[in-house]
Amino acid sequence: MAEATRDRVRAAIEELGFVRNESARRLRTGPERTAGEFGDQPRRAFGVLVEDLANPYATDVARGAEAALNAAGHDVLWLSSDHSADKEIRLLELLADQHAAGVLVIPVGIGPRDISRLRAAGMSVVLIDRDASDVCSARVDHVAGGEAAAAYLLGIGRNRIAFVTGTPEPQPCVERRDGAARTIVEAGLGKPPVLVKDALSPTEGRAAAHQIMAMSPVPDGVFCANDLLAIGLINELTRLGVRVPEDIAVIGYDDIELAASAAVPLTTVRQPRRALGWEAAELAMAEIGEGKSHQHRQVVQRPDLVIRESA
């Protein structure tokens, strides 16, 4: 439209406090265009559905996805399933009802039938941090991450290594545990003891410290399924008078921002969190853009060991 007409429409919007009815607009334009009234390119909305927005790992992944989608002119809705498969389904149905262009999901219980229903609604679907062959996915090789953590602890002379995880235990944590256990067993040591806490949180990490100290013999190395557990563990060990790393070396996983600034800076396995979200967003946009010619792709990134003072 002419610039003068556009200015008059904007002035009327300002004066009337107009907010468009998105559902009514879609009845007129259909779900394929969600552009703003003054945009030249289609602008779409994508959902980013994670397990827990309170977890810094999840928010970093979501920020990476949002950055990629915003750079392409799209909008993002952040959603959390709170580790509930039922809530996850409700939120996916909400996105489909609102004609979202796609969803990037760190899944709790989503299955092939759920994905098929979303695709039938015209949505692209990308799984984050899960292995899949019938859908696009962006994930990290967590078995390799677990192997690297265990190999490092063995390399610095630790031979009584325990693993601390939480429930519900996501598949990536299972893979980290399996990778570490295999490496320890191959080194000629027994299968490491596993502590399963009620959550992957600092509070549960503090509780784990007391269980670690009650073991006989006491472990001289601990690998935690994520940084939040590890930070809580280290804080409580320090309060109990245990020297980290002299008495017990501790390794976390994720390399969240807090890891480097912990009371004892945390040695951890770094995930490319924002890059993971960005890659997932690229896959979601490609699925829409390529249409029927789209071929599902699985992107696998390798984690890195970051050595600090805790080990």
Protein backbone atom coordinates (compact mmCIF):
# COMPACT_ATOMS: atom_id res chain seq x y z
CA MET A 1 0.00 0.00 0.00
CA ALA A 2 1.01 3.61 -0.39
CA GLU A 3 3.06 5.08 2.44
CA ALA A 4 0.40 7.71 3.19
CA THR A 5 -2.27 5.02 3.49
CA ARG A 6 0.00 2.96 5.71
CA ASP A 7 0.53 5.97 8.01
CA ARG A 8 -3.24 6.54 8.30
CA VAL A 9 -3.80 2.86 9.20
CA ARG A 10 -1.08 3.02 11.84
CA ALA A 11 -2.59 6.20 13.27
CA ALA A 12 -6.00 4.54 13.48
CA ILE A 13 -4.48 1.51 15.23
CA GLU A 14 -2.83 3.83 17.74
CA GLU A 15 -5.99 5.83 18.38
CA LEU A 16 -8.35 2.85 18.72
CA GLY A 17 -5.97 0.55 20.60
CA PHE A 18 -6.70 -2.10 17.97
CA VAL A 19 -5.43 -5.67 18.55
CA ARG A 20 -6.04 -8.05 15.68
CA ASN A 21 -8.03 -11.25 16.17
CA GLU A 22 -5.52 -13.84 14.99
CA SER A 23 -8.09 -16.65 14.73
CA ALA A 24 -10.40 -14.52 12.61
CA ARG A 25 -7.51 -13.37 10.44
CA ARG A 26 -6.56 -16.97 9.71
CA LEU A 27 -10.10 -17.74 8.58
CA ARG A 28 -9.53 -15.16 5.88
CA THR A 29 -5.88 -15.73 4.95
CA GLY A 30 -5.40 -19.41 5.86
CA PRO A 31 -2.58 -20.88 7.95
CA GLU A 32 0.20 -20.45 5.41
CA ARG A 33 0.65 -16.69 5.98
CA THR A 34 1.13 -15.27 9.42
CA ALA A 35 2.79 -12.09 8.22
CA GLY A 36 2.28 -8.79 9.93
CA GLU A 37 0.02 -6.42 8.02
CA PHE A 38 2.97 -4.41 6.80
CA GLY A 39 5.49 -7.19 6.14
CA ASP A 40 6.52 -8.25 2.64
CA GLN A 41 7.55 -11.77 3.63
CA PRO A 42 5.51 -14.47 5.38
CA ARG A 43 6.14 -14.39 9.11
CA ARG A 44 5.37 -17.60 10.94
CA ALA A 45 5.19 -18.70 14.54
CA PHE A 46 7.12 -21.72 15.82
CA GLY A 47 6.89 -23.44 19.18
CA VAL A 48 9.95 -24.44 21.20
CA LEU A 49 8.81 -27.04 23.73
CA VAL A 50 11.32 -28.09 26.40
CA GLU A 51 11.18 -30.27 29.51
CA ASP A 52 11.90 -27.54 32.05
CA LEU A 53 12.42 -23.82 31.41
CA ALA A 54 14.01 -23.52 34.86
CA ASN A 55 16.94 -25.59 33.59
CA PRO A 56 19.63 -23.30 32.11
CA TYR A 57 20.45 -25.95 29.50
CA ALA A 58 16.89 -25.83 28.14
CA THR A 59 16.73 -22.04 28.06
CA ASP A 60 20.06 -21.88 26.21
CA VAL A 61 18.77 -24.33 23.59
CA ALA A 62 15.57 -22.28 23.26
CA ARG A 63 17.57 -19.06 22.87
CA GLY A 64 19.61 -20.61 20.07
CA ALA A 65 16.44 -21.68 18.27
CA GLU A 66 14.84 -18.29 18.80
CA ALA A 67 17.88 -16.47 17.42
CA ALA A 68 17.79 -18.51 14.21
CA LEU A 69 14.04 -18.12 13.75
CA ASN A 70 14.08 -14.41 14.54
CA ALA A 71 16.92 -13.92 12.05
CA ALA A 72 14.64 -15.43 9.39
CA GLY A 73 11.78 -13.13 10.39
CA HIS A 74 9.75 -15.63 12.43
CA ASP A 75 8.33 -15.55 15.94
CA VAL A 76 8.82 -18.06 18.75
CA LEU A 77 6.66 -19.35 21.59
CA TRP A 78 8.53 -20.88 24.53
CA LEU A 79 6.69 -23.73 26.23
CA SER A 80 7.56 -26.16 29.05
CA SER A 81 6.16 -29.66 29.52
CA ASP A 82 7.52 -29.83 33.10
CA HIS A 83 8.48 -33.47 32.43
CA SER A 84 4.80 -34.37 31.92
CA ALA A 85 3.85 -36.41 28.84
CA ASP A 86 0.19 -35.34 29.25
CA LYS A 87 1.11 -31.66 29.36
CA GLU A 88 3.40 -32.13 26.38
CA ILE A 89 0.49 -33.49 24.30
CA ARG A 90 -1.79 -30.63 25.39
CA LEU A 91 0.79 -28.05 24.37
CA LEU A 92 1.39 -29.74 21.01
CA GLU A 93 -2.37 -29.73 20.37
CA LEU A 94 -2.45 -26.04 21.31
CA LEU A 95 0.24 -25.25 18.74
CA ALA A 96 -1.64 -27.22 16.08
CA ASP A 97 -4.90 -25.43 16.95
CA GLN A 98 -3.12 -22.09 16.58
CA HIS A 99 -1.70 -23.12 13.18
CA ALA A 100 1.92 -22.87 14.28
CA ALA A 101 4.31 -23.48 11.41
CA GLY A 102 6.33 -25.99 13.37
CA VAL A 103 7.59 -27.19 16.72
CA LEU A 104 11.07 -27.91 18.06
CA VAL A 105 10.73 -30.25 21.01
CA ILE A 106 12.90 -31.80 23.69
CA PRO A 107 10.49 -34.71 24.09
CA VAL A 108 9.08 -36.41 27.14
CA GLY A 109 6.66 -38.88 25.60
CA ILE A 110 5.97 -37.79 22.02
CA GLY A 111 5.66 -40.77 19.66
CA PRO A 112 5.31 -41.47 15.93
CA ARG A 113 1.51 -41.12 16.00
CA ASP A 114 1.76 -37.70 17.65
CA ILE A 115 4.29 -36.58 15.06
CA SER A 116 2.05 -37.84 12.23
CA ARG A 117 -0.90 -35.84 13.59
CA LEU A 118 1.20 -32.68 13.77
CA ARG A 119 2.42 -33.16 10.21
CA ALA A 120 -1.18 -33.71 9.07
CA ALA A 121 -1.92 -30.30 10.60
CA GLY A 122 0.77 -28.79 8.37
CA MET A 123 3.49 -28.46 11.00
CA SER A 124 7.17 -29.28 10.76
CA VAL A 125 8.53 -31.31 13.68
CA VAL A 126 12.14 -31.45 14.90
CA LEU A 127 13.31 -33.43 17.91
CA ILE A 128 16.11 -31.95 20.00
CA ASP A 129 18.64 -34.15 21.81
CA ARG A 130 16.98 -37.42 20.80
CA ASP A 131 17.98 -40.07 18.28
CA ALA A 132 15.36 -40.62 15.56
CA SER A 133 15.31 -41.84 11.98
CA ASP A 134 11.78 -40.92 10.89
CA VAL A 135 11.96 -37.23 11.84
CA CYS A 136 14.51 -34.43 11.70
CA SER A 137 16.64 -34.25 14.83
CA ALA A 138 19.54 -32.29 16.28
CA ARG A 139 21.39 -33.98 19.10
CA VAL A 140 24.68 -34.46 20.89
CA ASP A 141 26.68 -37.69 21.09
CA HIS A 142 26.19 -38.20 24.83
CA VAL A 143 27.79 -41.64 24.87
CA ALA A 144 31.00 -39.96 23.73
CA GLY A 145 30.53 -37.31 26.40
CA GLY A 146 30.22 -39.94 29.12
CA GLU A 147 33.26 -41.76 27.79
CA ALA A 148 35.32 -38.55 27.84
CA ALA A 149 34.36 -37.74 31.43
CA ALA A 150 35.17 -41.22 32.70
CA ALA A 151 38.43 -41.43 30.74
CA TYR A 152 39.57 -38.12 32.23
CA LEU A 153 38.81 -39.24 35.80
CA LEU A 154 40.71 -42.47 35.18
CA GLY A 155 43.56 -40.51 33.63
CA ILE A 156 44.06 -38.42 36.78
CA GLY A 157 44.25 -41.56 38.89
CA ARG A 158 40.68 -41.92 40.15
CA ASN A 159 39.55 -45.54 40.36
CA ARG A 160 36.48 -45.37 42.63
CA ILE A 161 34.08 -43.48 40.42
CA ALA A 162 30.35 -42.97 41.10
CA PHE A 163 27.64 -41.60 38.80
CA VAL A 164 24.85 -39.31 40.03
CA THR A 165 21.68 -38.83 38.01
CA GLY A 166 18.03 -37.89 38.57
CA THR A 167 14.55 -39.12 37.85
CA PRO A 168 12.81 -38.98 35.49
CA GLU A 169 16.10 -39.74 33.75
CA PRO A 170 16.09 -38.33 30.20
CA GLN A 171 17.57 -40.49 27.46
CA PRO A 172 20.66 -38.25 27.11
CA CYS A 173 21.49 -38.89 30.78
CA VAL A 174 21.11 -42.63 30.25
CA GLU A 175 23.53 -42.39 27.34
CA ARG A 176 26.06 -40.44 29.45
CA ARG A 177 25.83 -43.07 32.18
CA ASP A 178 26.26 -45.91 29.67
CA GLY A 179 29.27 -44.27 28.04
CA ALA A 180 30.97 -43.68 31.37
CA ALA A 181 30.20 -47.18 32.68
CA ARG A 182 31.58 -48.85 29.56
CA THR A 183 34.81 -46.88 29.78
CA ILE A 184 35.27 -47.72 33.46
CA VAL A 185 34.56 -51.42 32.94
CA GLU A 186 36.94 -51.56 29.97
CA ALA A 187 39.64 -50.11 32.25
CA GLY A 188 39.33 -53.24 34.40
CA LEU A 189 37.26 -51.72 37.19
CA GLY A 190 33.83 -52.81 38.30
CA LYS A 191 30.64 -51.18 37.09
CA PRO A 192 30.36 -47.83 38.88
CA PRO A 193 27.69 -47.29 41.56
CA VAL A 194 24.78 -45.11 40.45
CA LEU A 195 22.86 -42.71 42.68
CA VAL A 196 19.42 -41.81 41.32
CA LYS A 197 18.03 -38.66 42.89
CA ASP A 198 14.53 -37.20 42.71
CA ALA A 199 15.53 -34.45 40.26
CA LEU A 200 18.46 -33.07 38.27
CA SER A 201 18.81 -30.11 40.64
CA PRO A 202 21.33 -28.50 43.04
CA THR A 203 19.15 -29.51 45.99
CA GLU A 204 19.39 -33.17 45.00
CA GLY A 205 23.12 -32.73 44.40
CA ARG A 206 23.52 -31.59 48.00
CA ALA A 207 21.58 -34.63 49.19
CA ALA A 208 23.80 -36.88 47.06
CA ALA A 209 26.90 -35.58 48.86
CA HIS A 210 25.79 -37.27 52.08
CA GLN A 211 25.18 -40.56 50.27
CA ILE A 212 28.59 -40.34 48.59
CA MET A 213 30.30 -39.86 51.96
CA ALA A 214 28.38 -42.82 53.41
CA MET A 215 29.69 -45.22 50.76
CA SER A 216 32.41 -47.71 51.63
CA PRO A 217 34.88 -47.12 50.21
CA VAL A 218 34.19 -43.46 49.58
CA PRO A 219 34.47 -42.61 45.85
CA ASP A 220 37.42 -40.50 44.78
CA GLY A 221 35.67 -39.34 41.60
CA VAL A 222 32.06 -38.44 40.80
CA PHE A 223 30.50 -37.86 37.39
CA CYS A 224 27.16 -36.03 37.53
CA ALA A 225 24.52 -36.20 34.81
CA ASN A 226 24.32 -32.40 34.67
CA ASP A 227 25.98 -29.29 36.08
CA LEU A 228 23.15 -28.47 38.49
CA LEU A 229 23.67 -31.75 40.34
CA ALA A 230 27.43 -31.27 40.31
CA ILE A 231 27.30 -27.72 41.69
CA GLY A 232 25.00 -28.78 44.54
CA LEU A 233 27.24 -31.77 45.24
CA ILE A 234 30.41 -29.67 45.39
CA ASN A 235 28.82 -27.04 47.62
CA GLU A 236 27.74 -29.64 50.17
CA LEU A 237 31.01 -31.58 50.03
CA THR A 238 32.85 -28.33 50.73
CA ARG A 239 30.54 -27.59 53.66
CA LEU A 240 31.27 -31.06 55.04
CA GLY A 241 35.01 -30.35 54.93
CA VAL A 242 35.74 -32.54 51.90
CA ARG A 243 38.41 -31.13 49.61
CA VAL A 244 37.45 -30.89 45.94
CA PRO A 245 39.32 -32.12 43.93
CA GLU A 246 41.99 -33.44 46.34
CA ASP A 247 39.67 -35.88 48.10
CA ILE A 248 36.92 -36.20 45.49
CA ALA A 249 37.13 -34.98 41.90
CA VAL A 250 33.79 -33.92 40.39
CA ILE A 251 32.75 -33.59 36.74
CA GLY A 252 29.44 -32.19 35.51
CA TYR A 253 27.74 -32.05 32.14
CA ASP A 254 26.37 -29.15 30.03
CA ASP A 255 28.76 -26.26 30.87
CA ILE A 256 26.01 -23.86 31.89
CA GLU A 257 27.02 -20.30 32.72
CA LEU A 258 27.15 -21.05 36.46
CA ALA A 259 29.75 -23.79 35.96
CA ALA A 260 32.71 -21.45 35.56
CA SER A 261 31.69 -19.22 38.48
CA ALA A 262 30.91 -21.97 41.02
CA ALA A 263 32.70 -21.91 44.40
CA VAL A 264 35.00 -24.54 42.90
CA PRO A 265 34.94 -23.89 39.13
CA LEU A 266 33.45 -26.98 37.56
CA THR A 267 35.14 -29.36 35.16
CA THR A 268 32.36 -30.38 32.81
CA VAL A 269 31.39 -31.75 29.42
CA ARG A 270 30.29 -28.85 27.26
CA GLN A 271 27.26 -29.19 25.03
CA PRO A 272 26.91 -26.73 22.12
CA ARG A 273 23.53 -25.68 23.55
CA ARG A 274 22.72 -22.62 21.47
CA ALA A 275 24.19 -24.19 18.36
CA LEU A 276 21.93 -27.18 18.98
CA GLY A 277 18.86 -24.93 19.09
CA TRP A 278 19.99 -23.00 16.02
CA GLU A 279 20.52 -26.24 14.07
CA ALA A 280 17.07 -27.52 15.08
CA ALA A 281 15.49 -24.28 13.88
CA GLU A 282 17.29 -24.55 10.55
CA LEU A 283 15.92 -28.07 10.13
CA ALA A 284 12.36 -26.92 10.95
CA MET A 285 12.52 -24.08 8.41
CA ALA A 286 14.04 -26.37 5.77
CA GLU A 287 11.21 -28.88 6.19
CA ILE A 288 8.67 -26.15 5.46
CA GLY A 289 10.64 -24.64 2.60
CA GLU A 290 11.41 -27.92 0.83
CA GLY A 291 7.86 -29.26 0.96
CA LYS A 292 7.36 -32.78 -0.41
CA SER A 293 10.98 -33.02 -1.55
CA HIS A 294 12.19 -32.75 2.06
CA GLN A 295 14.38 -35.55 3.35
CA HIS A 296 14.66 -35.93 7.12
CA ARG A 297 18.12 -35.20 8.44
CA GLN A 298 19.79 -36.12 11.72
CA VAL A 299 22.49 -33.75 12.91
CA VAL A 300 24.87 -35.06 15.59
CA GLN A 301 27.31 -32.78 17.40
CA ARG A 302 30.18 -33.88 19.61
CA PRO A 303 30.64 -32.49 23.14
CA ASP A 304 33.92 -31.17 24.55
CA LEU A 305 35.56 -31.66 27.93
CA VAL A 306 36.23 -28.35 29.72
CA ILE A 307 38.85 -28.71 32.46
CA ARG A 308 38.58 -26.43 35.49
CA GLU A 309 39.42 -26.79 39.19
CA SER A 310 36.92 -29.45 40.36
CA ALA A 311 38.81 -32.23 38.57
